[in-house]
């Protein structure tokens, strides 16, 4: 890797694009294993902690490779966030799927 933050962001975005479907498949497989046999799949987790306006949301967006969190001069993300990335396969012969985000506290509302 090299070439500055923009190059790093593009390379991480590509890595994420390739990794997300694999993680989703693994989760689907383990969700179908019967309860007595199954075990908890411990996926990597990241906690971002810091004072107000210190760049926590920017760190998460950089890791995901997308701008999706609210921005403003006041406090915008007032609660803990759990992000799960899901890659929607395109419909055969159709346009590529639109990118959107949905928060659990606002079900059905897409951003």
PDB file of N, CA and C in Angstrom:
ATOM      1  N   UNK A   1       0.841  -1.177   0.000  1.00  0.00           N
ATOM      2  CA  UNK A   1       0.000   0.000   0.000  1.00  0.00           C
ATOM      3  C   UNK A   1       0.877   1.227   0.000  1.00  0.00           C
ATOM      4  N   UNK A   2       0.361   2.284  -0.517  1.00  0.00           N
ATOM      5  CA  UNK A   2       1.110   3.515  -0.516  1.00  0.00           C
ATOM      6  C   UNK A   2       0.388   4.557  -1.312  1.00  0.00           C
ATOM      7  N   UNK A   3       0.885   5.779  -1.247  1.00  0.00           N
ATOM      8  CA  UNK A   3       0.282   6.825  -2.036  1.00  0.00           C
ATOM      9  C   UNK A   3      -0.635   7.730  -1.241  1.00  0.00           C
ATOM     10  N   UNK A   4      -0.655   7.628   0.072  1.00  0.00           N
ATOM     11  CA  UNK A   4      -1.430   8.538   0.883  1.00  0.00           C
ATOM     12  C   UNK A   4      -2.772   7.978   1.310  1.00  0.00           C
ATOM     13  N   UNK A   5      -3.534   8.798   2.087  1.00  0.00           N
ATOM     14  CA  UNK A   5      -4.797   8.342   2.660  1.00  0.00           C
ATOM     15  C   UNK A   5      -5.835   7.931   1.613  1.00  0.00           C
ATOM     16  N   UNK A   6      -5.923   8.654   0.500  1.00  0.00           N
ATOM     17  CA  UNK A   6      -6.928   8.320  -0.519  1.00  0.00           C
ATOM     18  C   UNK A   6      -6.644   6.945  -1.115  1.00  0.00           C
ATOM     19  N   UNK A   7      -5.383   6.671  -1.407  1.00  0.00           N
ATOM     20  CA  UNK A   7      -5.001   5.369  -1.948  1.00  0.00           C
ATOM     21  C   UNK A   7      -5.300   4.269  -0.936  1.00  0.00           C
ATOM     22  N   UNK A   8      -5.000   4.517   0.325  1.00  0.00           N
ATOM     23  CA  UNK A   8      -5.258   3.542   1.376  1.00  0.00           C
ATOM     24  C   UNK A   8      -6.752   3.267   1.482  1.00  0.00           C
ATOM     25  N   UNK A   9      -7.567   4.329   1.414  1.00  0.00           N
ATOM     26  CA  UNK A   9      -9.015   4.169   1.495  1.00  0.00           C
ATOM     27  C   UNK A   9      -9.539   3.319   0.346  1.00  0.00           C
ATOM     28  N   UNK A  10      -9.037   3.543  -0.859  1.00  0.00           N
ATOM     29  CA  UNK A  10      -9.482   2.767  -2.015  1.00  0.00           C
ATOM     30  C   UNK A  10      -9.084   1.304  -1.864  1.00  0.00           C
ATOM     31  N   UNK A  11      -7.866   1.052  -1.390  1.00  0.00           N
ATOM     32  CA  UNK A  11      -7.409  -0.327  -1.223  1.00  0.00           C
ATOM     33  C   UNK A  11      -8.199  -1.031  -0.126  1.00  0.00           C
ATOM     34  N   UNK A  12      -8.490  -0.347   0.973  1.00  0.00           N
ATOM     35  CA  UNK A  12      -9.279  -0.951   2.038  1.00  0.00           C
ATOM     36  C   UNK A  12     -10.705  -1.189   1.580  1.00  0.00           C
ATOM     37  N   UNK A  13     -11.247  -0.261   0.770  1.00  0.00           N
ATOM     38  CA  UNK A  13     -12.583  -0.456   0.231  1.00  0.00           C
ATOM     39  C   UNK A  13     -12.651  -1.713  -0.605  1.00  0.00           C
ATOM     40  N   UNK A  14     -11.644  -1.967  -1.420  1.00  0.00           N
ATOM     41  CA  UNK A  14     -11.608  -3.168  -2.245  1.00  0.00           C
ATOM     42  C   UNK A  14     -11.526  -4.407  -1.371  1.00  0.00           C
ATOM     43  N   UNK A  15     -10.703  -4.369  -0.345  1.00  0.00           N
ATOM     44  CA  UNK A  15     -10.597  -5.490   0.579  1.00  0.00           C
ATOM     45  C   UNK A  15     -11.947  -5.761   1.224  1.00  0.00           C
ATOM     46  N   UNK A  16     -12.617  -4.707   1.674  1.00  0.00           N
ATOM     47  CA  UNK A  16     -13.927  -4.859   2.292  1.00  0.00           C
ATOM     48  C   UNK A  16     -14.945  -5.428   1.331  1.00  0.00           C
ATOM     49  N   UNK A  17     -14.917  -4.985   0.081  1.00  0.00           N
ATOM     50  CA  UNK A  17     -15.854  -5.491  -0.918  1.00  0.00           C
ATOM     51  C   UNK A  17     -15.679  -6.987  -1.123  1.00  0.00           C
ATOM     52  N   UNK A  18     -14.460  -7.477  -1.039  1.00  0.00           N
ATOM     53  CA  UNK A  18     -14.204  -8.907  -1.211  1.00  0.00           C
ATOM     54  C   UNK A  18     -14.493  -9.697   0.059  1.00  0.00           C
ATOM     55  N   UNK A  19     -14.294  -9.094   1.205  1.00  0.00           N
ATOM     56  CA  UNK A  19     -14.418  -9.799   2.475  1.00  0.00           C
ATOM     57  C   UNK A  19     -15.859  -9.891   2.967  1.00  0.00           C
ATOM     58  N   UNK A  20     -16.657  -8.881   2.723  1.00  0.00           N
ATOM     59  CA  UNK A  20     -18.028  -8.839   3.231  1.00  0.00           C
ATOM     60  C   UNK A  20     -18.851 -10.047   2.788  1.00  0.00           C
ATOM     61  N   UNK A  21     -18.860 -10.417   1.490  1.00  0.00           N
ATOM     62  CA  UNK A  21     -19.653 -11.586   1.096  1.00  0.00           C
ATOM     63  C   UNK A  21     -19.188 -12.875   1.773  1.00  0.00           C
ATOM     64  N   UNK A  22     -17.893 -13.007   2.002  1.00  0.00           N
ATOM     65  CA  UNK A  22     -17.370 -14.210   2.659  1.00  0.00           C
ATOM     66  C   UNK A  22     -17.867 -14.273   4.104  1.00  0.00           C
ATOM     67  N   UNK A  23     -17.793 -13.167   4.818  1.00  0.00           N
ATOM     68  CA  UNK A  23     -18.266 -13.123   6.204  1.00  0.00           C
ATOM     69  C   UNK A  23     -19.761 -13.416   6.254  1.00  0.00           C
ATOM     70  N   UNK A  24     -20.529 -12.848   5.321  1.00  0.00           N
ATOM     71  CA  UNK A  24     -21.971 -13.105   5.291  1.00  0.00           C
ATOM     72  C   UNK A  24     -22.265 -14.579   5.042  1.00  0.00           C
ATOM     73  N   UNK A  25     -21.511 -15.213   4.153  1.00  0.00           N
ATOM     74  CA  UNK A  25     -21.700 -16.643   3.892  1.00  0.00           C
ATOM     75  C   UNK A  25     -21.402 -17.470   5.139  1.00  0.00           C
ATOM     76  N   UNK A  26     -20.328 -17.132   5.821  1.00  0.00           N
ATOM     77  CA  UNK A  26     -19.969 -17.854   7.046  1.00  0.00           C
ATOM     78  C   UNK A  26     -21.087 -17.719   8.079  1.00  0.00           C
ATOM     79  N   UNK A  27     -21.624 -16.508   8.240  1.00  0.00           N
ATOM     80  CA  UNK A  27     -22.721 -16.306   9.187  1.00  0.00           C
ATOM     81  C   UNK A  27     -23.943 -17.131   8.782  1.00  0.00           C
ATOM     82  N   UNK A  28     -24.270 -17.159   7.499  1.00  0.00           N
ATOM     83  CA  UNK A  28     -25.419 -17.943   7.026  1.00  0.00           C
ATOM     84  C   UNK A  28     -25.226 -19.427   7.305  1.00  0.00           C
ATOM     85  N   UNK A  29     -24.039 -19.931   7.055  1.00  0.00           N
ATOM     86  CA  UNK A  29     -23.761 -21.354   7.282  1.00  0.00           C
ATOM     87  C   UNK A  29     -23.924 -21.700   8.756  1.00  0.00           C
ATOM     88  N   UNK A  30     -23.342 -20.903   9.641  1.00  0.00           N
ATOM     89  CA  UNK A  30     -23.423 -21.203  11.064  1.00  0.00           C
ATOM     90  C   UNK A  30     -24.822 -20.990  11.625  1.00  0.00           C
ATOM     91  N   UNK A  31     -25.634 -20.135  10.998  1.00  0.00           N
ATOM     92  CA  UNK A  31     -27.005 -19.945  11.486  1.00  0.00           C
ATOM     93  C   UNK A  31     -27.872 -21.168  11.206  1.00  0.00           C
ATOM     94  N   UNK A  32     -27.468 -22.015  10.254  1.00  0.00           N
ATOM     95  CA  UNK A  32     -28.237 -23.212   9.909  1.00  0.00           C
ATOM     96  C   UNK A  32     -27.796 -24.451  10.687  1.00  0.00           C
ATOM     97  N   UNK A  33     -26.712 -24.357  11.437  1.00  0.00           N
ATOM     98  CA  UNK A  33     -26.231 -25.495  12.227  1.00  0.00           C
ATOM     99  C   UNK A  33     -27.150 -25.648  13.439  1.00  0.00           C
ATOM    100  N   UNK A  34     -27.619 -26.877  13.739  1.00  0.00           N
ATOM    101  CA  UNK A  34     -28.511 -27.081  14.892  1.00  0.00           C
ATOM    102  C   UNK A  34     -27.891 -26.562  16.189  1.00  0.00           C
ATOM    103  N   UNK A  35     -28.739 -26.074  17.078  1.00  0.00           N
ATOM    104  CA  UNK A  35     -28.298 -25.427  18.317  1.00  0.00           C
ATOM    105  C   UNK A  35     -27.345 -26.270  19.162  1.00  0.00           C
ATOM    106  N   UNK A  36     -27.608 -27.559  19.410  1.00  0.00           N
ATOM    107  CA  UNK A  36     -26.669 -28.295  20.273  1.00  0.00           C
ATOM    108  C   UNK A  36     -25.272 -28.429  19.668  1.00  0.00           C
ATOM    109  N   UNK A  37     -25.193 -28.398  18.348  1.00  0.00           N
ATOM    110  CA  UNK A  37     -23.905 -28.585  17.679  1.00  0.00           C
ATOM    111  C   UNK A  37     -23.227 -27.246  17.406  1.00  0.00           C
ATOM    112  N   UNK A  38     -24.027 -26.217  17.233  1.00  0.00           N
ATOM    113  CA  UNK A  38     -23.470 -24.926  16.820  1.00  0.00           C
ATOM    114  C   UNK A  38     -22.646 -24.301  17.941  1.00  0.00           C
ATOM    115  N   UNK A  39     -21.848 -23.355  17.564  1.00  0.00           N
ATOM    116  CA  UNK A  39     -21.063 -22.593  18.515  1.00  0.00           C
ATOM    117  C   UNK A  39     -21.057 -21.144  18.049  1.00  0.00           C
ATOM    118  N   UNK A  40     -20.759 -20.277  18.956  1.00  0.00           N
ATOM    119  CA  UNK A  40     -20.769 -18.853  18.622  1.00  0.00           C
ATOM    120  C   UNK A  40     -19.614 -18.542  17.680  1.00  0.00           C
ATOM    121  N   UNK A  41     -19.936 -17.918  16.585  1.00  0.00           N
ATOM    122  CA  UNK A  41     -18.914 -17.488  15.638  1.00  0.00           C
ATOM    123  C   UNK A  41     -18.422 -16.120  16.083  1.00  0.00           C
ATOM    124  N   UNK A  42     -17.197 -16.057  16.504  1.00  0.00           N
ATOM    125  CA  UNK A  42     -16.629 -14.811  16.998  1.00  0.00           C
ATOM    126  C   UNK A  42     -15.986 -14.047  15.847  1.00  0.00           C
ATOM    127  N   UNK A  43     -16.733 -13.118  15.281  1.00  0.00           N
ATOM    128  CA  UNK A  43     -16.204 -12.288  14.204  1.00  0.00           C
ATOM    129  C   UNK A  43     -15.440 -11.111  14.804  1.00  0.00           C
ATOM    130  N   UNK A  44     -14.519 -10.551  14.047  1.00  0.00           N
ATOM    131  CA  UNK A  44     -13.769  -9.397  14.559  1.00  0.00           C
ATOM    132  C   UNK A  44     -14.711  -8.247  14.913  1.00  0.00           C
ATOM    133  N   UNK A  45     -14.398  -7.565  15.987  1.00  0.00           N
ATOM    134  CA  UNK A  45     -15.178  -6.413  16.410  1.00  0.00           C
ATOM    135  C   UNK A  45     -14.227  -5.267  16.690  1.00  0.00           C
ATOM    136  N   UNK A  46     -14.716  -4.070  16.461  1.00  0.00           N
ATOM    137  CA  UNK A  46     -13.913  -2.870  16.682  1.00  0.00           C
ATOM    138  C   UNK A  46     -14.713  -1.929  17.570  1.00  0.00           C
ATOM    139  N   UNK A  47     -14.086  -1.389  18.590  1.00  0.00           N
ATOM    140  CA  UNK A  47     -14.697  -0.360  19.422  1.00  0.00           C
ATOM    141  C   UNK A  47     -13.929   0.934  19.179  1.00  0.00           C
ATOM    142  N   UNK A  48     -14.664   1.995  18.898  1.00  0.00           N
ATOM    143  CA  UNK A  48     -14.053   3.308  18.681  1.00  0.00           C
ATOM    144  C   UNK A  48     -14.553   4.213  19.800  1.00  0.00           C
ATOM    145  N   UNK A  49     -13.629   4.704  20.607  1.00  0.00           N
ATOM    146  CA  UNK A  49     -13.975   5.515  21.770  1.00  0.00           C
ATOM    147  C   UNK A  49     -13.169   6.801  21.717  1.00  0.00           C
ATOM    148  N   UNK A  50     -13.802   7.912  22.077  1.00  0.00           N
ATOM    149  CA  UNK A  50     -13.084   9.176  22.104  1.00  0.00           C
ATOM    150  C   UNK A  50     -13.994  10.307  22.523  1.00  0.00           C
ATOM    151  N   UNK A  51     -13.415  11.472  22.706  1.00  0.00           N
ATOM    152  CA  UNK A  51     -14.199  12.634  23.109  1.00  0.00           C
ATOM    153  C   UNK A  51     -15.002  13.162  21.923  1.00  0.00           C
ATOM    154  N   UNK A  52     -15.896  14.107  22.216  1.00  0.00           N
ATOM    155  CA  UNK A  52     -16.758  14.682  21.182  1.00  0.00           C
ATOM    156  C   UNK A  52     -15.923  15.312  20.068  1.00  0.00           C
ATOM    157  N   UNK A  53     -16.331  15.065  18.829  1.00  0.00           N
ATOM    158  CA  UNK A  53     -15.701  15.637  17.627  1.00  0.00           C
ATOM    159  C   UNK A  53     -14.229  15.257  17.491  1.00  0.00           C
ATOM    160  N   UNK A  54     -13.883  14.051  17.925  1.00  0.00           N
ATOM    161  CA  UNK A  54     -12.486  13.621  17.803  1.00  0.00           C
ATOM    162  C   UNK A  54     -12.245  12.736  16.583  1.00  0.00           C
ATOM    163  N   UNK A  55     -13.300  12.467  15.791  1.00  0.00           N
ATOM    164  CA  UNK A  55     -13.119  11.712  14.555  1.00  0.00           C
ATOM    165  C   UNK A  55     -13.530  10.252  14.618  1.00  0.00           C
ATOM    166  N   UNK A  56     -14.318   9.874  15.623  1.00  0.00           N
ATOM    167  CA  UNK A  56     -14.740   8.469  15.749  1.00  0.00           C
ATOM    168  C   UNK A  56     -15.551   8.019  14.538  1.00  0.00           C
ATOM    169  N   UNK A  57     -16.518   8.821  14.127  1.00  0.00           N
ATOM    170  CA  UNK A  57     -17.340   8.465  12.964  1.00  0.00           C
ATOM    171  C   UNK A  57     -16.496   8.410  11.700  1.00  0.00           C
ATOM    172  N   UNK A  58     -15.543   9.305  11.580  1.00  0.00           N
ATOM    173  CA  UNK A  58     -14.661   9.303  10.405  1.00  0.00           C
ATOM    174  C   UNK A  58     -13.821   8.032  10.348  1.00  0.00           C
ATOM    175  N   UNK A  59     -13.386   7.541  11.509  1.00  0.00           N
ATOM    176  CA  UNK A  59     -12.621   6.293  11.548  1.00  0.00           C
ATOM    177  C   UNK A  59     -13.485   5.141  11.041  1.00  0.00           C
ATOM    178  N   UNK A  60     -14.733   5.062  11.519  1.00  0.00           N
ATOM    179  CA  UNK A  60     -15.634   3.992  11.073  1.00  0.00           C
ATOM    180  C   UNK A  60     -15.893   4.078   9.572  1.00  0.00           C
ATOM    181  N   UNK A  61     -16.134   5.284   9.072  1.00  0.00           N
ATOM    182  CA  UNK A  61     -16.374   5.448   7.636  1.00  0.00           C
ATOM    183  C   UNK A  61     -15.145   5.067   6.823  1.00  0.00           C
ATOM    184  N   UNK A  62     -13.969   5.383   7.320  1.00  0.00           N
ATOM    185  CA  UNK A  62     -12.745   5.020   6.600  1.00  0.00           C
ATOM    186  C   UNK A  62     -12.578   3.504   6.546  1.00  0.00           C
ATOM    187  N   UNK A  63     -12.917   2.818   7.629  1.00  0.00           N
ATOM    188  CA  UNK A  63     -12.823   1.357   7.643  1.00  0.00           C
ATOM    189  C   UNK A  63     -13.814   0.717   6.676  1.00  0.00           C
ATOM    190  N   UNK A  64     -15.017   1.277   6.614  1.00  0.00           N
ATOM    191  CA  UNK A  64     -16.061   0.736   5.744  1.00  0.00           C
ATOM    192  C   UNK A  64     -15.821   1.136   4.290  1.00  0.00           C
ATOM    193  N   UNK A  65     -15.215   2.298   4.086  1.00  0.00           N
ATOM    194  CA  UNK A  65     -14.989   2.780   2.726  1.00  0.00           C
ATOM    195  C   UNK A  65     -16.184   3.510   2.152  1.00  0.00           C
ATOM    196  N   UNK A  66     -17.101   3.968   2.999  1.00  0.00           N
ATOM    197  CA  UNK A  66     -18.304   4.678   2.572  1.00  0.00           C
ATOM    198  C   UNK A  66     -18.589   5.824   3.537  1.00  0.00           C
ATOM    199  N   UNK A  67     -19.184   6.901   3.022  1.00  0.00           N
ATOM    200  CA  UNK A  67     -19.666   7.994   3.868  1.00  0.00           C
ATOM    201  C   UNK A  67     -21.134   7.716   4.170  1.00  0.00           C
ATOM    202  N   UNK A  68     -21.466   7.450   5.428  1.00  0.00           N
ATOM    203  CA  UNK A  68     -22.843   7.086   5.742  1.00  0.00           C
ATOM    204  C   UNK A  68     -23.342   7.644   7.067  1.00  0.00           C
ATOM    205  N   UNK A  69     -22.489   8.229   7.860  1.00  0.00           N
ATOM    206  CA  UNK A  69     -22.904   8.743   9.158  1.00  0.00           C
ATOM    207  C   UNK A  69     -23.212  10.231   9.064  1.00  0.00           C
ATOM    208  N   UNK A  70     -24.140  10.713   9.896  1.00  0.00           N
ATOM    209  CA  UNK A  70     -24.506  12.136   9.845  1.00  0.00           C
ATOM    210  C   UNK A  70     -23.342  13.029  10.253  1.00  0.00           C
ATOM    211  N   UNK A  71     -23.344  14.231   9.725  1.00  0.00           N
ATOM    212  CA  UNK A  71     -22.298  15.212  10.028  1.00  0.00           C
ATOM    213  C   UNK A  71     -22.957  16.522  10.446  1.00  0.00           C
ATOM    214  N   UNK A  72     -22.286  17.274  11.276  1.00  0.00           N
ATOM    215  CA  UNK A  72     -22.800  18.570  11.681  1.00  0.00           C
ATOM    216  C   UNK A  72     -21.957  19.151  12.797  1.00  0.00           C
ATOM    217  N   UNK A  73     -22.213  20.423  13.140  1.00  0.00           N
ATOM    218  CA  UNK A  73     -21.420  21.078  14.182  1.00  0.00           C
ATOM    219  C   UNK A  73     -21.749  20.563  15.583  1.00  0.00           C
ATOM    220  N   UNK A  74     -22.940  19.995  15.763  1.00  0.00           N
ATOM    221  CA  UNK A  74     -23.343  19.484  17.075  1.00  0.00           C
ATOM    222  C   UNK A  74     -23.105  17.980  17.142  1.00  0.00           C
ATOM    223  N   UNK A  75     -23.469  17.382  18.260  1.00  0.00           N
ATOM    224  CA  UNK A  75     -23.349  15.931  18.412  1.00  0.00           C
ATOM    225  C   UNK A  75     -24.329  15.275  17.448  1.00  0.00           C
ATOM    226  N   UNK A  76     -23.842  14.369  16.619  1.00  0.00           N
ATOM    227  CA  UNK A  76     -24.694  13.722  15.613  1.00  0.00           C
ATOM    228  C   UNK A  76     -24.939  12.250  15.913  1.00  0.00           C
ATOM    229  N   UNK A  77     -23.943  11.556  16.388  1.00  0.00           N
ATOM    230  CA  UNK A  77     -24.102  10.133  16.697  1.00  0.00           C
ATOM    231  C   UNK A  77     -24.090   9.994  18.213  1.00  0.00           C
ATOM    232  N   UNK A  78     -25.265  10.006  18.806  1.00  0.00           N
ATOM    233  CA  UNK A  78     -25.403  10.049  20.261  1.00  0.00           C
ATOM    234  C   UNK A  78     -25.488   8.683  20.919  1.00  0.00           C
ATOM    235  N   UNK A  79     -25.479   7.638  20.159  1.00  0.00           N
ATOM    236  CA  UNK A  79     -25.668   6.311  20.741  1.00  0.00           C
ATOM    237  C   UNK A  79     -24.668   5.345  20.146  1.00  0.00           C
ATOM    238  N   UNK A  80     -24.468   4.228  20.801  1.00  0.00           N
ATOM    239  CA  UNK A  80     -23.576   3.215  20.218  1.00  0.00           C
ATOM    240  C   UNK A  80     -24.129   2.716  18.885  1.00  0.00           C
ATOM    241  N   UNK A  81     -23.253   2.433  17.954  1.00  0.00           N
ATOM    242  CA  UNK A  81     -23.648   1.914  16.643  1.00  0.00           C
ATOM    243  C   UNK A  81     -23.087   0.516  16.464  1.00  0.00           C
ATOM    244  N   UNK A  82     -23.889  -0.349  15.919  1.00  0.00           N
ATOM    245  CA  UNK A  82     -23.414  -1.666  15.506  1.00  0.00           C
ATOM    246  C   UNK A  82     -23.583  -1.714  14.002  1.00  0.00           C
ATOM    247  N   UNK A  83     -22.482  -1.851  13.290  1.00  0.00           N
ATOM    248  CA  UNK A  83     -22.513  -1.861  11.831  1.00  0.00           C
ATOM    249  C   UNK A  83     -22.353  -3.280  11.329  1.00  0.00           C
ATOM    250  N   UNK A  84     -23.218  -3.675  10.414  1.00  0.00           N
ATOM    251  CA  UNK A  84     -23.068  -4.958   9.739  1.00  0.00           C
ATOM    252  C   UNK A  84     -23.207  -4.683   8.254  1.00  0.00           C
ATOM    253  N   UNK A  85     -22.180  -5.039   7.515  1.00  0.00           N
ATOM    254  CA  UNK A  85     -22.184  -4.806   6.079  1.00  0.00           C
ATOM    255  C   UNK A  85     -22.725  -6.037   5.370  1.00  0.00           C
ATOM    256  N   UNK A  86     -23.648  -5.810   4.451  1.00  0.00           N
ATOM    257  CA  UNK A  86     -24.252  -6.894   3.687  1.00  0.00           C
ATOM    258  C   UNK A  86     -24.161  -6.530   2.215  1.00  0.00           C
ATOM    259  N   UNK A  87     -23.649  -7.437   1.427  1.00  0.00           N
ATOM    260  CA  UNK A  87     -23.552  -7.195  -0.013  1.00  0.00           C
ATOM    261  C   UNK A  87     -24.760  -7.842  -0.681  1.00  0.00           C
ATOM    262  N   UNK A  88     -25.584  -7.019  -1.325  1.00  0.00           N
ATOM    263  CA  UNK A  88     -26.772  -7.512  -2.018  1.00  0.00           C
ATOM    264  C   UNK A  88     -26.390  -7.885  -3.445  1.00  0.00           C
ATOM    265  N   UNK A  89     -26.653  -9.120  -3.852  1.00  0.00           N
ATOM    266  CA  UNK A  89     -26.299  -9.516  -5.219  1.00  0.00           C
ATOM    267  C   UNK A  89     -27.199  -8.807  -6.231  1.00  0.00           C
ATOM    268  N   UNK A  90     -26.652  -8.432  -7.384  1.00  0.00           N
ATOM    269  CA  UNK A  90     -27.483  -7.774  -8.400  1.00  0.00           C
ATOM    270  C   UNK A  90     -28.478  -8.765  -9.002  1.00  0.00           C
ATOM    271  N   UNK A  91     -29.625  -8.246  -9.414  1.00  0.00           N
ATOM    272  CA  UNK A  91     -30.615  -9.089 -10.085  1.00  0.00           C
ATOM    273  C   UNK A  91     -30.152  -9.321 -11.515  1.00  0.00           C
ATOM    274  N   UNK A  92     -30.309 -10.542 -12.023  1.00  0.00           N
ATOM    275  CA  UNK A  92     -29.867 -10.833 -13.393  1.00  0.00           C
ATOM    276  C   UNK A  92     -30.524  -9.886 -14.400  1.00  0.00           C
ATOM    277  N   UNK A  93     -29.697  -9.232 -15.188  1.00  0.00           N
ATOM    278  CA  UNK A  93     -30.189  -8.310 -16.207  1.00  0.00           C
ATOM    279  C   UNK A  93     -30.647  -6.973 -15.677  1.00  0.00           C
ATOM    280  N   UNK A  94     -30.599  -6.780 -14.371  1.00  0.00           N
ATOM    281  CA  UNK A  94     -31.056  -5.526 -13.779  1.00  0.00           C
ATOM    282  C   UNK A  94     -29.906  -4.595 -13.473  1.00  0.00           C
ATOM    283  N   UNK A  95     -30.242  -3.396 -13.019  1.00  0.00           N
ATOM    284  CA  UNK A  95     -29.186  -2.443 -12.657  1.00  0.00           C
ATOM    285  C   UNK A  95     -28.483  -2.906 -11.385  1.00  0.00           C
ATOM    286  N   UNK A  96     -27.293  -2.398 -11.140  1.00  0.00           N
ATOM    287  CA  UNK A  96     -26.602  -2.760  -9.896  1.00  0.00           C
ATOM    288  C   UNK A  96     -27.428  -2.285  -8.699  1.00  0.00           C
ATOM    289  N   UNK A  97     -27.389  -3.015  -7.597  1.00  0.00           N
ATOM    290  CA  UNK A  97     -28.188  -2.609  -6.435  1.00  0.00           C
ATOM    291  C   UNK A  97     -27.701  -1.276  -5.879  1.00  0.00           C
ATOM    292  N   UNK A  98     -28.645  -0.491  -5.391  1.00  0.00           N
ATOM    293  CA  UNK A  98     -28.306   0.796  -4.783  1.00  0.00           C
ATOM    294  C   UNK A  98     -27.681   0.550  -3.415  1.00  0.00           C
ATOM    295  N   UNK A  99     -26.772   1.426  -3.029  1.00  0.00           N
ATOM    296  CA  UNK A  99     -26.176   1.332  -1.698  1.00  0.00           C
ATOM    297  C   UNK A  99     -27.023   2.137  -0.733  1.00  0.00           C
ATOM    298  N   UNK A 100     -27.263   1.586   0.442  1.00  0.00           N
ATOM    299  CA  UNK A 100     -28.042   2.269   1.456  1.00  0.00           C
ATOM    300  C   UNK A 100     -27.660   1.732   2.822  1.00  0.00           C
ATOM    301  N   UNK A 101     -28.043   2.466   3.829  1.00  0.00           N
ATOM    302  CA  UNK A 101     -27.808   2.044   5.201  1.00  0.00           C
ATOM    303  C   UNK A 101     -29.115   2.087   5.968  1.00  0.00           C
ATOM    304  N   UNK A 102     -29.221   1.246   6.968  1.00  0.00           N
ATOM    305  CA  UNK A 102     -30.418   1.214   7.810  1.00  0.00           C
ATOM    306  C   UNK A 102     -29.968   1.037   9.253  1.00  0.00           C
ATOM    307  N   UNK A 103     -30.523   1.825  10.144  1.00  0.00           N
ATOM    308  CA  UNK A 103     -30.202   1.744  11.562  1.00  0.00           C
ATOM    309  C   UNK A 103     -31.303   0.980  12.283  1.00  0.00           C
ATOM    310  N   UNK A 104     -30.934   0.138  13.248  1.00  0.00           N
ATOM    311  CA  UNK A 104     -31.911  -0.690  13.951  1.00  0.00           C
ATOM    312  C   UNK A 104     -32.942   0.136  14.712  1.00  0.00           C
ATOM    313  N   UNK A 105     -32.575   1.332  15.167  1.00  0.00           N
ATOM    314  CA  UNK A 105     -33.534   2.158  15.900  1.00  0.00           C
ATOM    315  C   UNK A 105     -34.485   2.900  14.958  1.00  0.00           C
ATOM    316  N   UNK A 106     -34.254   2.813  13.635  1.00  0.00           N
ATOM    317  CA  UNK A 106     -35.142   3.398  12.624  1.00  0.00           C
ATOM    318  C   UNK A 106     -35.433   2.349  11.553  1.00  0.00           C
ATOM    319  N   UNK A 107     -36.114   1.261  11.905  1.00  0.00           N
ATOM    320  CA  UNK A 107     -36.313   0.183  10.933  1.00  0.00           C
ATOM    321  C   UNK A 107     -37.105   0.644   9.713  1.00  0.00           C
ATOM    322  N   UNK A 108     -36.654   0.202   8.553  1.00  0.00           N
ATOM    323  CA  UNK A 108     -37.335   0.526   7.300  1.00  0.00           C
ATOM    324  C   UNK A 108     -36.928   1.855   6.693  1.00  0.00           C
ATOM    325  N   UNK A 109     -36.207   2.691   7.436  1.00  0.00           N
ATOM    326  CA  UNK A 109     -35.773   3.988   6.907  1.00  0.00           C
ATOM    327  C   UNK A 109     -34.361   3.828   6.362  1.00  0.00           C
ATOM    328  N   UNK A 110     -34.211   4.055   5.066  1.00  0.00           N
ATOM    329  CA  UNK A 110     -32.910   3.864   4.420  1.00  0.00           C
ATOM    330  C   UNK A 110     -32.212   5.200   4.200  1.00  0.00           C
ATOM    331  N   UNK A 111     -30.915   5.189   4.389  1.00  0.00           N
ATOM    332  CA  UNK A 111     -30.100   6.392   4.210  1.00  0.00           C
ATOM    333  C   UNK A 111     -29.099   6.157   3.105  1.00  0.00           C
TER     334      UNK A 111
END
